[in-house]
Amino acid sequence: MNTTLAFLERRRSILAKDLGMPGPGDEQLGRLLTIAARVPDHGRLVPWRFVVLAGDARKRAGARMAAIAREDDRAIAEGRLEFERARFERAPVVVCVVSRAAPHPKIPEWEQLLSAGAACQMLVTAASAMGFGAQWLTEWCAYDRRARSELGLDEHERVAGFVYIGTARAAPSERERPVMSNIVTHWTGA
């Protein structure tokens, strides 16, 4: 049996809360990001980029998310505030995949957005193939203008996903998959 296909058939995301040390080292992370950049990219626009949160940067980013959460809700519960502070510490490395899709005379923005999504999935798959656990999340801070600004995104850029990467501390549970006959049709033109 083809080992790549077998791997893809059993690949599962590991919940961020179930990720721990160690995470990828610098060389491993460089390799993962290089692989994530090998996605379809019509026009070679590179309509995405990566922002890496590792080490103490995760704590600083979490503090900024907590400040935004407090700004939005002065009566925020301490437990929620603590969660926001530790948001990016759920895994040793968090990669923010940034979509920088923009109007182009030949390449639709939709294709550029799909390319950024493909970069997220390629990163998750490569991390899994490297023996790490990974989860692709967005959550509120992906959609908040202030949070994006704190992470260094320009006004036109959007978060395609936060990819959490670390060592799995728990086995993933299998989830129900779609029934193929419900989602596959064959067009015949007849």
C-alpha atoms as a PDB file:
ATOM      1  CA  MET A   1       0.000   0.000   0.000  1.00  0.00           C
ATOM      2  CA  ASN A   2       1.138   3.545  -0.717  1.00  0.00           C
ATOM      3  CA  THR A   3       2.422   4.988   2.584  1.00  0.00           C
ATOM      4  CA  THR A   4       1.510   8.574   1.661  1.00  0.00           C
ATOM      5  CA  LEU A   5      -2.096   7.644   0.988  1.00  0.00           C
ATOM      6  CA  ALA A   6      -2.238   5.571   4.165  1.00  0.00           C
ATOM      7  CA  PHE A   7      -0.921   8.556   6.152  1.00  0.00           C
ATOM      8  CA  LEU A   8      -3.487  10.908   4.594  1.00  0.00           C
ATOM      9  CA  GLU A   9      -6.306   8.464   5.336  1.00  0.00           C
ATOM     10  CA  ARG A  10      -5.497   8.453   9.059  1.00  0.00           C
ATOM     11  CA  ARG A  11      -4.308  12.064   9.553  1.00  0.00           C
ATOM     12  CA  ARG A  12      -6.125  13.826  12.396  1.00  0.00           C
ATOM     13  CA  SER A  13      -5.839  17.203  14.008  1.00  0.00           C
ATOM     14  CA  ILE A  14      -4.776  17.259  17.643  1.00  0.00           C
ATOM     15  CA  LEU A  15      -6.647  19.795  19.772  1.00  0.00           C
ATOM     16  CA  ALA A  16      -4.451  22.751  20.732  1.00  0.00           C
ATOM     17  CA  LYS A  17      -5.145  22.039  24.409  1.00  0.00           C
ATOM     18  CA  ASP A  18      -3.628  18.575  23.909  1.00  0.00           C
ATOM     19  CA  LEU A  19      -0.330  19.851  22.474  1.00  0.00           C
ATOM     20  CA  GLY A  20       2.826  20.183  24.536  1.00  0.00           C
ATOM     21  CA  MET A  21       6.593  20.264  24.369  1.00  0.00           C
ATOM     22  CA  PRO A  22       8.608  19.725  22.397  1.00  0.00           C
ATOM     23  CA  GLY A  23       7.612  21.720  19.387  1.00  0.00           C
ATOM     24  CA  PRO A  24       9.548  21.985  16.165  1.00  0.00           C
ATOM     25  CA  GLY A  25      13.034  23.464  16.441  1.00  0.00           C
ATOM     26  CA  ASP A  26      14.185  26.237  14.136  1.00  0.00           C
ATOM     27  CA  GLU A  27      15.384  23.893  11.399  1.00  0.00           C
ATOM     28  CA  GLN A  28      12.227  21.780  11.565  1.00  0.00           C
ATOM     29  CA  LEU A  29      10.023  24.871  11.526  1.00  0.00           C
ATOM     30  CA  GLY A  30      11.915  26.238   8.542  1.00  0.00           C
ATOM     31  CA  ARG A  31      11.301  22.992   6.716  1.00  0.00           C
ATOM     32  CA  LEU A  32       7.603  23.007   7.650  1.00  0.00           C
ATOM     33  CA  LEU A  33       7.148  26.562   6.387  1.00  0.00           C
ATOM     34  CA  THR A  34       9.006  25.761   3.165  1.00  0.00           C
ATOM     35  CA  ILE A  35       6.658  22.826   2.615  1.00  0.00           C
ATOM     36  CA  ALA A  36       3.607  24.969   3.473  1.00  0.00           C
ATOM     37  CA  ALA A  37       4.688  27.421   0.771  1.00  0.00           C
ATOM     38  CA  ARG A  38       4.527  24.656  -1.874  1.00  0.00           C
ATOM     39  CA  VAL A  39       0.847  25.114  -2.628  1.00  0.00           C
ATOM     40  CA  PRO A  40      -1.012  26.031  -5.800  1.00  0.00           C
ATOM     41  CA  ASP A  41      -0.444  29.736  -6.419  1.00  0.00           C
ATOM     42  CA  HIS A  42      -1.918  30.915  -9.707  1.00  0.00           C
ATOM     43  CA  GLY A  43       0.286  33.702 -11.044  1.00  0.00           C
ATOM     44  CA  ARG A  44       2.985  33.088  -8.417  1.00  0.00           C
ATOM     45  CA  LEU A  45       1.597  35.966  -6.348  1.00  0.00           C
ATOM     46  CA  VAL A  46       2.473  34.402  -2.971  1.00  0.00           C
ATOM     47  CA  PRO A  47      -0.832  35.696  -1.545  1.00  0.00           C
ATOM     48  CA  TRP A  48       0.052  34.615   2.001  1.00  0.00           C
ATOM     49  CA  ARG A  49       2.798  34.942   4.553  1.00  0.00           C
ATOM     50  CA  PHE A  50       3.655  33.451   7.935  1.00  0.00           C
ATOM     51  CA  VAL A  51       3.918  35.082  11.366  1.00  0.00           C
ATOM     52  CA  VAL A  52       5.573  32.739  13.877  1.00  0.00           C
ATOM     53  CA  LEU A  53       4.715  32.949  17.571  1.00  0.00           C
ATOM     54  CA  ALA A  54       7.206  30.989  19.649  1.00  0.00           C
ATOM     55  CA  GLY A  55       8.896  31.282  23.024  1.00  0.00           C
ATOM     56  CA  ASP A  56       8.029  34.392  25.029  1.00  0.00           C
ATOM     57  CA  ALA A  57       6.349  36.008  22.009  1.00  0.00           C
ATOM     58  CA  ARG A  58       3.359  33.720  22.642  1.00  0.00           C
ATOM     59  CA  LYS A  59       2.908  35.215  26.125  1.00  0.00           C
ATOM     60  CA  ARG A  60       3.253  38.797  24.848  1.00  0.00           C
ATOM     61  CA  ALA A  61       0.700  38.155  22.090  1.00  0.00           C
ATOM     62  CA  GLY A  62      -1.687  36.613  24.613  1.00  0.00           C
ATOM     63  CA  ALA A  63      -1.359  39.641  26.892  1.00  0.00           C
ATOM     64  CA  ARG A  64      -2.369  41.858  23.995  1.00  0.00           C
ATOM     65  CA  MET A  65      -5.379  39.666  23.185  1.00  0.00           C
ATOM     66  CA  ALA A  66      -6.405  39.805  26.865  1.00  0.00           C
ATOM     67  CA  ALA A  67      -6.173  43.608  26.796  1.00  0.00           C
ATOM     68  CA  ILE A  68      -8.484  43.720  23.774  1.00  0.00           C
ATOM     69  CA  ALA A  69     -10.911  41.317  25.457  1.00  0.00           C
ATOM     70  CA  ARG A  70     -10.947  43.534  28.572  1.00  0.00           C
ATOM     71  CA  GLU A  71     -11.476  46.615  26.404  1.00  0.00           C
ATOM     72  CA  ASP A  72     -14.560  44.928  24.914  1.00  0.00           C
ATOM     73  CA  ASP A  73     -15.886  43.706  28.275  1.00  0.00           C
ATOM     74  CA  ARG A  74     -14.870  45.625  31.394  1.00  0.00           C
ATOM     75  CA  ALA A  75     -16.657  42.965  33.507  1.00  0.00           C
ATOM     76  CA  ILE A  76     -14.833  40.065  31.876  1.00  0.00           C
ATOM     77  CA  ALA A  77     -14.459  37.026  34.113  1.00  0.00           C
ATOM     78  CA  GLU A  78     -10.938  36.417  35.404  1.00  0.00           C
ATOM     79  CA  GLY A  79     -11.016  32.859  33.988  1.00  0.00           C
ATOM     80  CA  ARG A  80     -11.733  34.161  30.490  1.00  0.00           C
ATOM     81  CA  LEU A  81      -9.023  36.791  30.849  1.00  0.00           C
ATOM     82  CA  GLU A  82      -6.526  34.129  31.914  1.00  0.00           C
ATOM     83  CA  PHE A  83      -7.514  32.002  28.904  1.00  0.00           C
ATOM     84  CA  GLU A  84      -6.827  34.973  26.601  1.00  0.00           C
ATOM     85  CA  ARG A  85      -3.444  35.571  28.229  1.00  0.00           C
ATOM     86  CA  ALA A  86      -2.498  31.929  27.617  1.00  0.00           C
ATOM     87  CA  ARG A  87      -4.216  31.683  24.206  1.00  0.00           C
ATOM     88  CA  PHE A  88      -1.012  31.212  22.197  1.00  0.00           C
ATOM     89  CA  GLU A  89       0.719  29.121  24.870  1.00  0.00           C
ATOM     90  CA  ARG A  90      -1.477  26.091  24.142  1.00  0.00           C
ATOM     91  CA  ALA A  91       1.295  24.840  21.856  1.00  0.00           C
ATOM     92  CA  PRO A  92       5.048  25.440  21.657  1.00  0.00           C
ATOM     93  CA  VAL A  93       4.708  27.083  18.228  1.00  0.00           C
ATOM     94  CA  VAL A  94       1.806  28.907  16.635  1.00  0.00           C
ATOM     95  CA  VAL A  95       2.014  29.973  13.004  1.00  0.00           C
ATOM     96  CA  CYS A  96      -0.354  32.692  11.908  1.00  0.00           C
ATOM     97  CA  VAL A  97      -0.988  32.137   8.208  1.00  0.00           C
ATOM     98  CA  VAL A  98      -1.806  35.540   6.775  1.00  0.00           C
ATOM     99  CA  SER A  99      -3.830  35.963   3.601  1.00  0.00           C
ATOM    100  CA  ARG A 100      -2.717  38.970   1.629  1.00  0.00           C
ATOM    101  CA  ALA A 101      -5.117  38.472  -1.249  1.00  0.00           C
ATOM    102  CA  ALA A 102      -5.588  41.636  -3.258  1.00  0.00           C
ATOM    103  CA  PRO A 103      -7.324  42.716  -6.447  1.00  0.00           C
ATOM    104  CA  HIS A 104      -5.399  41.575  -9.498  1.00  0.00           C
ATOM    105  CA  PRO A 105      -6.216  42.030 -13.199  1.00  0.00           C
ATOM    106  CA  LYS A 106      -5.943  38.295 -13.958  1.00  0.00           C
ATOM    107  CA  ILE A 107      -6.014  36.325 -10.686  1.00  0.00           C
ATOM    108  CA  PRO A 108      -9.323  36.421  -8.775  1.00  0.00           C
ATOM    109  CA  GLU A 109      -9.086  37.146  -5.045  1.00  0.00           C
ATOM    110  CA  TRP A 110     -11.012  33.919  -4.450  1.00  0.00           C
ATOM    111  CA  GLU A 111      -8.126  31.884  -5.895  1.00  0.00           C
ATOM    112  CA  GLN A 112      -5.683  33.779  -3.708  1.00  0.00           C
ATOM    113  CA  LEU A 113      -7.785  33.040  -0.609  1.00  0.00           C
ATOM    114  CA  LEU A 114      -7.901  29.368  -1.528  1.00  0.00           C
ATOM    115  CA  SER A 115      -4.118  29.365  -1.837  1.00  0.00           C
ATOM    116  CA  ALA A 116      -3.804  30.740   1.730  1.00  0.00           C
ATOM    117  CA  GLY A 117      -6.152  28.004   2.959  1.00  0.00           C
ATOM    118  CA  ALA A 118      -4.051  25.438   1.129  1.00  0.00           C
ATOM    119  CA  ALA A 119      -0.961  26.785   2.938  1.00  0.00           C
ATOM    120  CA  CYS A 120      -2.741  26.206   6.273  1.00  0.00           C
ATOM    121  CA  GLN A 121      -3.666  22.640   5.374  1.00  0.00           C
ATOM    122  CA  MET A 122      -0.217  21.886   3.979  1.00  0.00           C
ATOM    123  CA  LEU A 123       1.338  23.148   7.231  1.00  0.00           C
ATOM    124  CA  VAL A 124      -0.962  20.959   9.346  1.00  0.00           C
ATOM    125  CA  THR A 125      -0.270  17.936   7.142  1.00  0.00           C
ATOM    126  CA  ALA A 126       3.507  18.496   7.085  1.00  0.00           C
ATOM    127  CA  ALA A 127       3.612  18.926  10.878  1.00  0.00           C
ATOM    128  CA  SER A 128       1.715  15.655  11.268  1.00  0.00           C
ATOM    129  CA  ALA A 129       4.055  13.908   8.831  1.00  0.00           C
ATOM    130  CA  MET A 130       7.007  15.217  10.863  1.00  0.00           C
ATOM    131  CA  GLY A 131       5.554  13.533  13.949  1.00  0.00           C
ATOM    132  CA  PHE A 132       3.996  16.588  15.597  1.00  0.00           C
ATOM    133  CA  GLY A 133       0.399  17.241  16.423  1.00  0.00           C
ATOM    134  CA  ALA A 134      -1.248  20.272  14.862  1.00  0.00           C
ATOM    135  CA  GLN A 135      -4.547  22.105  14.787  1.00  0.00           C
ATOM    136  CA  TRP A 136      -5.763  24.863  12.467  1.00  0.00           C
ATOM    137  CA  LEU A 137      -7.910  27.405  14.334  1.00  0.00           C
ATOM    138  CA  THR A 138      -9.207  30.907  13.781  1.00  0.00           C
ATOM    139  CA  GLU A 139     -11.244  32.076  16.806  1.00  0.00           C
ATOM    140  CA  TRP A 140     -12.241  35.698  17.477  1.00  0.00           C
ATOM    141  CA  CYS A 141      -8.775  37.232  17.241  1.00  0.00           C
ATOM    142  CA  ALA A 142      -8.529  36.215  13.577  1.00  0.00           C
ATOM    143  CA  TYR A 143     -11.452  38.519  12.820  1.00  0.00           C
ATOM    144  CA  ASP A 144     -10.722  41.435  15.136  1.00  0.00           C
ATOM    145  CA  ARG A 145      -9.046  44.407  13.445  1.00  0.00           C
ATOM    146  CA  ARG A 146      -7.171  45.377  16.626  1.00  0.00           C
ATOM    147  CA  ALA A 147      -5.890  41.836  17.202  1.00  0.00           C
ATOM    148  CA  ARG A 148      -4.683  41.600  13.601  1.00  0.00           C
ATOM    149  CA  SER A 149      -2.920  44.934  13.999  1.00  0.00           C
ATOM    150  CA  GLU A 150      -1.221  43.759  17.223  1.00  0.00           C
ATOM    151  CA  LEU A 151       0.104  40.742  15.296  1.00  0.00           C
ATOM    152  CA  GLY A 152       1.591  43.010  12.630  1.00  0.00           C
ATOM    153  CA  LEU A 153      -0.960  42.542   9.871  1.00  0.00           C
ATOM    154  CA  ASP A 154      -1.636  45.347   7.424  1.00  0.00           C
ATOM    155  CA  GLU A 155      -5.194  46.648   7.050  1.00  0.00           C
ATOM    156  CA  HIS A 156      -5.875  44.582   3.893  1.00  0.00           C
ATOM    157  CA  GLU A 157      -4.447  41.340   5.356  1.00  0.00           C
ATOM    158  CA  ARG A 158      -6.562  38.658   7.036  1.00  0.00           C
ATOM    159  CA  VAL A 159      -5.812  35.637   9.195  1.00  0.00           C
ATOM    160  CA  ALA A 160      -6.377  32.448   7.213  1.00  0.00           C
ATOM    161  CA  GLY A 161      -5.624  30.480  10.358  1.00  0.00           C
ATOM    162  CA  PHE A 162      -3.527  29.979  13.439  1.00  0.00           C
ATOM    163  CA  VAL A 163      -1.751  26.637  13.156  1.00  0.00           C
ATOM    164  CA  TYR A 164      -0.818  25.303  16.602  1.00  0.00           C
ATOM    165  CA  ILE A 165       2.082  22.809  16.504  1.00  0.00           C
ATOM    166  CA  GLY A 166       3.517  20.647  19.271  1.00  0.00           C
ATOM    167  CA  THR A 167       3.769  17.129  20.600  1.00  0.00           C
ATOM    168  CA  ALA A 168       0.473  15.323  21.103  1.00  0.00           C
ATOM    169  CA  ARG A 169      -0.233  14.613  24.769  1.00  0.00           C
ATOM    170  CA  ALA A 170      -3.433  12.725  23.936  1.00  0.00           C
ATOM    171  CA  ALA A 171      -4.567  10.555  21.067  1.00  0.00           C
ATOM    172  CA  PRO A 172      -7.149  12.187  18.836  1.00  0.00           C
ATOM    173  CA  SER A 173     -10.619  10.729  18.818  1.00  0.00           C
ATOM    174  CA  GLU A 174     -12.078   9.836  15.465  1.00  0.00           C
ATOM    175  CA  ARG A 175     -14.995  11.935  14.343  1.00  0.00           C
ATOM    176  CA  GLU A 176     -17.840  11.096  12.027  1.00  0.00           C
ATOM    177  CA  ARG A 177     -16.894  11.610   8.393  1.00  0.00           C
ATOM    178  CA  PRO A 178     -19.225  12.544   5.550  1.00  0.00           C
ATOM    179  CA  VAL A 179     -20.957   9.773   3.670  1.00  0.00           C
ATOM    180  CA  MET A 180     -19.413   9.937   0.217  1.00  0.00           C
ATOM    181  CA  SER A 181     -22.705   9.265  -1.576  1.00  0.00           C
ATOM    182  CA  ASN A 182     -24.089  12.422   0.076  1.00  0.00           C
ATOM    183  CA  ILE A 183     -21.337  14.690  -1.222  1.00  0.00           C
ATOM    184  CA  VAL A 184     -20.172  13.171  -4.515  1.00  0.00           C
ATOM    185  CA  THR A 185     -21.983  13.447  -7.809  1.00  0.00           C
ATOM    186  CA  HIS A 186     -20.776  12.539 -11.276  1.00  0.00           C
ATOM    187  CA  TRP A 187     -21.659  14.975 -14.006  1.00  0.00           C
ATOM    188  CA  THR A 188     -22.271  13.224 -17.283  1.00  0.00           C
ATOM    189  CA  GLY A 189     -23.582  16.005 -19.472  1.00  0.00           C
ATOM    190  CA  ALA A 190     -26.443  13.777 -20.548  1.00  0.00           C
END
